N, C-alpha and C. Protein backbone atom coordinates (compact mmCIF):
# COMPACT_ATOMS: atom_id res chain seq x y z
N MET A 1 -2.90 -1.12 -12.41
CA MET A 1 -2.18 -0.83 -11.18
C MET A 1 -3.18 -0.80 -10.04
N GLN A 2 -2.98 -1.67 -9.03
CA GLN A 2 -3.94 -1.80 -7.94
C GLN A 2 -4.14 -0.49 -7.18
N THR A 3 -3.11 0.28 -7.01
CA THR A 3 -3.22 1.52 -6.25
C THR A 3 -4.19 2.48 -6.93
N ILE A 4 -4.13 2.58 -8.23
CA ILE A 4 -5.04 3.45 -8.98
C ILE A 4 -6.47 2.94 -8.83
N GLU A 5 -6.66 1.64 -8.95
CA GLU A 5 -8.00 1.06 -8.80
C GLU A 5 -8.56 1.33 -7.41
N LEU A 6 -7.74 1.18 -6.39
CA LEU A 6 -8.19 1.47 -5.03
C LEU A 6 -8.57 2.94 -4.88
N ALA A 7 -7.77 3.81 -5.44
CA ALA A 7 -8.04 5.25 -5.34
C ALA A 7 -9.36 5.61 -6.02
N ARG A 8 -9.68 4.93 -7.10
CA ARG A 8 -10.94 5.19 -7.81
C ARG A 8 -12.16 4.83 -6.97
N CYS A 9 -12.02 3.80 -6.13
CA CYS A 9 -13.21 3.30 -5.43
C CYS A 9 -13.26 3.66 -3.95
N THR A 10 -12.46 4.61 -3.51
CA THR A 10 -12.51 5.03 -2.12
C THR A 10 -12.46 6.54 -2.01
N ASN A 11 -12.99 7.05 -0.92
CA ASN A 11 -12.86 8.47 -0.62
C ASN A 11 -11.68 8.73 0.30
N GLY A 12 -11.00 7.66 0.70
CA GLY A 12 -9.86 7.78 1.60
C GLY A 12 -8.59 8.14 0.86
N THR A 13 -7.51 8.20 1.61
CA THR A 13 -6.19 8.46 1.04
C THR A 13 -5.37 7.17 1.09
N ILE A 14 -4.42 7.08 0.19
CA ILE A 14 -3.61 5.88 0.05
C ILE A 14 -2.14 6.26 0.17
N ILE A 15 -1.41 5.48 0.95
CA ILE A 15 0.05 5.61 1.01
C ILE A 15 0.61 4.38 0.32
N ALA A 16 1.31 4.59 -0.77
CA ALA A 16 1.91 3.49 -1.53
C ALA A 16 3.40 3.49 -1.27
N ILE A 17 3.93 2.33 -0.87
CA ILE A 17 5.37 2.25 -0.62
C ILE A 17 6.02 1.25 -1.56
N ASP A 18 7.26 1.55 -1.90
CA ASP A 18 8.08 0.67 -2.73
C ASP A 18 9.52 1.16 -2.59
N THR A 19 10.49 0.29 -2.85
CA THR A 19 11.89 0.71 -2.81
C THR A 19 12.42 1.01 -4.20
N HIS A 20 11.63 0.76 -5.21
CA HIS A 20 12.06 0.99 -6.59
C HIS A 20 11.46 2.31 -7.07
N GLN A 21 12.25 3.35 -7.05
CA GLN A 21 11.77 4.69 -7.38
C GLN A 21 11.08 4.79 -8.75
N PRO A 22 11.57 4.11 -9.78
CA PRO A 22 10.86 4.19 -11.06
C PRO A 22 9.40 3.72 -10.97
N PHE A 23 9.11 2.71 -10.14
CA PHE A 23 7.71 2.30 -9.95
C PHE A 23 6.89 3.42 -9.32
N LEU A 24 7.49 4.07 -8.34
CA LEU A 24 6.79 5.17 -7.66
C LEU A 24 6.55 6.33 -8.61
N GLU A 25 7.53 6.63 -9.45
CA GLU A 25 7.37 7.71 -10.42
C GLU A 25 6.26 7.39 -11.43
N LYS A 26 6.21 6.14 -11.86
CA LYS A 26 5.15 5.72 -12.78
C LYS A 26 3.78 5.86 -12.11
N LEU A 27 3.69 5.47 -10.85
CA LEU A 27 2.44 5.61 -10.10
C LEU A 27 2.04 7.08 -10.01
N LYS A 28 2.99 7.95 -9.68
CA LYS A 28 2.68 9.38 -9.58
C LYS A 28 2.19 9.94 -10.91
N GLN A 29 2.84 9.53 -12.00
CA GLN A 29 2.41 10.00 -13.32
C GLN A 29 1.00 9.52 -13.65
N GLN A 30 0.73 8.26 -13.37
CA GLN A 30 -0.60 7.73 -13.66
C GLN A 30 -1.65 8.37 -12.77
N ALA A 31 -1.32 8.58 -11.51
CA ALA A 31 -2.26 9.24 -10.60
C ALA A 31 -2.58 10.65 -11.08
N GLN A 32 -1.58 11.36 -11.55
CA GLN A 32 -1.80 12.71 -12.07
C GLN A 32 -2.67 12.66 -13.32
N ALA A 33 -2.40 11.72 -14.21
CA ALA A 33 -3.18 11.59 -15.44
C ALA A 33 -4.64 11.26 -15.16
N GLU A 34 -4.88 10.51 -14.08
CA GLU A 34 -6.24 10.09 -13.71
C GLU A 34 -6.89 11.07 -12.72
N GLU A 35 -6.18 12.16 -12.43
CA GLU A 35 -6.65 13.17 -11.47
C GLU A 35 -6.90 12.56 -10.09
N LEU A 36 -5.96 11.71 -9.66
CA LEU A 36 -6.06 11.05 -8.36
C LEU A 36 -4.88 11.39 -7.45
N SER A 37 -4.07 12.35 -7.84
CA SER A 37 -2.87 12.70 -7.08
C SER A 37 -3.18 13.12 -5.65
N ASP A 38 -4.34 13.72 -5.45
CA ASP A 38 -4.69 14.17 -4.10
C ASP A 38 -5.04 13.00 -3.17
N LYS A 39 -5.23 11.81 -3.71
CA LYS A 39 -5.56 10.64 -2.91
C LYS A 39 -4.38 9.72 -2.65
N ILE A 40 -3.28 9.89 -3.40
CA ILE A 40 -2.17 8.94 -3.33
C ILE A 40 -0.86 9.64 -2.96
N THR A 41 -0.20 9.09 -1.95
CA THR A 41 1.14 9.54 -1.58
C THR A 41 2.08 8.37 -1.83
N ALA A 42 3.09 8.56 -2.65
CA ALA A 42 4.06 7.51 -2.97
C ALA A 42 5.34 7.76 -2.17
N ILE A 43 5.77 6.73 -1.43
CA ILE A 43 6.94 6.86 -0.55
C ILE A 43 7.94 5.75 -0.85
N ASN A 44 9.21 6.12 -0.99
CA ASN A 44 10.28 5.14 -1.16
C ASN A 44 10.64 4.63 0.24
N MET A 45 10.19 3.40 0.53
CA MET A 45 10.38 2.83 1.86
C MET A 45 10.40 1.31 1.74
N SER A 46 11.17 0.68 2.58
CA SER A 46 11.27 -0.77 2.59
C SER A 46 10.20 -1.38 3.51
N MET A 47 9.70 -2.55 3.12
CA MET A 47 8.80 -3.31 4.00
C MET A 47 9.51 -3.70 5.29
N PHE A 48 10.84 -3.74 5.25
CA PHE A 48 11.62 -4.11 6.43
C PHE A 48 11.79 -2.94 7.40
N ALA A 49 11.39 -1.76 7.00
CA ALA A 49 11.55 -0.57 7.85
C ALA A 49 10.34 0.33 7.71
N LEU A 50 9.19 -0.18 8.12
CA LEU A 50 7.95 0.60 8.03
C LEU A 50 7.95 1.68 9.12
N GLU A 51 8.05 2.91 8.70
CA GLU A 51 8.19 4.04 9.63
C GLU A 51 6.87 4.77 9.80
N PHE A 52 5.89 4.05 10.37
CA PHE A 52 4.58 4.62 10.62
C PHE A 52 4.23 4.42 12.09
N GLU A 53 3.40 5.31 12.62
CA GLU A 53 2.97 5.18 14.00
C GLU A 53 2.00 4.01 14.15
N ALA A 54 2.03 3.39 15.31
CA ALA A 54 1.09 2.31 15.60
C ALA A 54 -0.34 2.84 15.49
N LYS A 55 -1.23 1.97 15.06
CA LYS A 55 -2.67 2.27 14.95
C LYS A 55 -2.94 3.49 14.07
N SER A 56 -2.22 3.60 12.96
CA SER A 56 -2.38 4.77 12.09
C SER A 56 -3.11 4.48 10.78
N PHE A 57 -3.48 3.20 10.53
CA PHE A 57 -4.13 2.85 9.28
C PHE A 57 -5.49 2.19 9.50
N ASP A 58 -6.46 2.58 8.70
CA ASP A 58 -7.77 1.91 8.70
C ASP A 58 -7.67 0.58 7.98
N ALA A 59 -6.81 0.51 6.98
CA ALA A 59 -6.64 -0.71 6.19
C ALA A 59 -5.23 -0.78 5.64
N ILE A 60 -4.74 -2.00 5.51
CA ILE A 60 -3.45 -2.25 4.86
C ILE A 60 -3.71 -3.28 3.77
N TRP A 61 -3.29 -2.96 2.55
CA TRP A 61 -3.47 -3.84 1.40
C TRP A 61 -2.09 -4.14 0.87
N SER A 62 -1.69 -5.37 0.91
CA SER A 62 -0.37 -5.76 0.41
C SER A 62 -0.53 -6.86 -0.62
N GLU A 63 -0.17 -6.55 -1.84
CA GLU A 63 -0.22 -7.53 -2.93
C GLU A 63 1.16 -8.12 -3.15
N GLY A 64 1.45 -9.18 -2.44
CA GLY A 64 2.70 -9.88 -2.63
C GLY A 64 3.87 -9.34 -1.83
N ALA A 65 3.90 -8.06 -1.54
CA ALA A 65 5.06 -7.46 -0.87
C ALA A 65 5.29 -8.05 0.51
N ILE A 66 4.23 -8.45 1.18
CA ILE A 66 4.39 -8.99 2.54
C ILE A 66 5.21 -10.29 2.52
N TYR A 67 5.20 -10.99 1.39
CA TYR A 67 5.96 -12.24 1.29
C TYR A 67 7.45 -12.01 1.18
N ILE A 68 7.87 -10.81 0.82
CA ILE A 68 9.29 -10.49 0.73
C ILE A 68 9.96 -10.68 2.09
N MET A 69 9.26 -10.28 3.13
CA MET A 69 9.83 -10.38 4.48
C MET A 69 9.42 -11.66 5.19
N GLY A 70 8.66 -12.50 4.53
CA GLY A 70 8.11 -13.70 5.16
C GLY A 70 6.73 -13.36 5.69
N PHE A 71 5.76 -14.21 5.40
CA PHE A 71 4.37 -13.88 5.73
C PHE A 71 4.16 -13.60 7.22
N GLU A 72 4.67 -14.48 8.09
CA GLU A 72 4.48 -14.27 9.53
C GLU A 72 5.16 -13.01 10.01
N GLN A 73 6.39 -12.76 9.58
CA GLN A 73 7.10 -11.55 9.98
C GLN A 73 6.36 -10.32 9.45
N GLY A 74 5.84 -10.42 8.24
CA GLY A 74 5.08 -9.33 7.65
C GLY A 74 3.83 -9.01 8.45
N LEU A 75 3.12 -10.05 8.88
CA LEU A 75 1.94 -9.83 9.73
C LEU A 75 2.32 -9.15 11.03
N ARG A 76 3.42 -9.60 11.64
CA ARG A 76 3.86 -8.98 12.89
C ARG A 76 4.22 -7.51 12.70
N ALA A 77 4.74 -7.17 11.52
CA ALA A 77 5.10 -5.77 11.24
C ALA A 77 3.88 -4.92 10.93
N CYS A 78 2.90 -5.49 10.24
CA CYS A 78 1.74 -4.71 9.76
C CYS A 78 0.61 -4.60 10.78
N GLN A 79 0.33 -5.68 11.50
CA GLN A 79 -0.82 -5.67 12.39
C GLN A 79 -0.81 -4.52 13.40
N PRO A 80 0.32 -4.18 14.02
CA PRO A 80 0.31 -3.06 14.97
C PRO A 80 -0.01 -1.71 14.32
N LEU A 81 0.12 -1.62 13.01
CA LEU A 81 -0.15 -0.36 12.32
C LEU A 81 -1.64 -0.12 12.11
N LEU A 82 -2.44 -1.17 12.26
CA LEU A 82 -3.88 -1.05 12.04
C LEU A 82 -4.59 -0.45 13.26
N LYS A 83 -5.53 0.43 12.97
CA LYS A 83 -6.40 0.95 14.03
C LYS A 83 -7.28 -0.17 14.54
N PRO A 84 -7.81 -0.06 15.76
CA PRO A 84 -8.77 -1.06 16.23
C PRO A 84 -9.92 -1.18 15.23
N GLY A 85 -10.23 -2.41 14.86
CA GLY A 85 -11.27 -2.64 13.87
C GLY A 85 -10.80 -2.48 12.44
N GLY A 86 -9.50 -2.20 12.26
CA GLY A 86 -8.95 -2.03 10.91
C GLY A 86 -8.84 -3.35 10.18
N TYR A 87 -8.63 -3.26 8.89
CA TYR A 87 -8.58 -4.44 8.04
C TYR A 87 -7.21 -4.60 7.41
N GLY A 88 -6.75 -5.85 7.34
CA GLY A 88 -5.53 -6.18 6.62
C GLY A 88 -5.89 -7.12 5.48
N ARG A 89 -5.37 -6.85 4.30
CA ARG A 89 -5.58 -7.71 3.14
C ARG A 89 -4.20 -8.04 2.60
N TYR A 90 -3.80 -9.28 2.78
CA TYR A 90 -2.46 -9.70 2.39
C TYR A 90 -2.58 -10.89 1.45
N GLY A 91 -1.99 -10.80 0.28
CA GLY A 91 -2.06 -11.91 -0.63
C GLY A 91 -1.54 -11.55 -2.00
N ASN A 92 -1.99 -12.30 -2.96
CA ASN A 92 -1.62 -12.06 -4.36
C ASN A 92 -2.89 -11.89 -5.16
N LEU A 93 -3.02 -10.79 -5.83
CA LEU A 93 -4.16 -10.52 -6.68
C LEU A 93 -3.95 -11.21 -8.00
N LEU A 94 -4.91 -11.99 -8.42
CA LEU A 94 -4.84 -12.65 -9.72
C LEU A 94 -5.70 -11.89 -10.70
N ALA A 95 -5.09 -11.40 -11.74
CA ALA A 95 -5.81 -10.62 -12.75
C ALA A 95 -6.36 -11.54 -13.82
N ALA A 96 -7.55 -11.23 -14.27
CA ALA A 96 -8.13 -12.00 -15.37
C ALA A 96 -7.47 -11.57 -16.67
N PRO A 97 -7.34 -12.50 -17.63
CA PRO A 97 -6.69 -12.15 -18.90
C PRO A 97 -7.50 -11.16 -19.70
């Protein structure tokens, strides 16, 4: 799970969004098992209705979800959420077998 991997390698906090509550519950359980719950907040939210203040994120990492709304529309929705100098990583992570 990418969110768990990110939490392991950063001192920052992570907000994970999804509209499928069972995925969020699984993430919460895994975060608790890995003692990473204090770094991860799981929110049931749609990519089509991102309810965050402008310039509130240092980084946005989207693995495939941005394509749900269309790549260009996704960029238009996400870019304003980044702080000046913030980073956006949008794409598909390919896992090795």
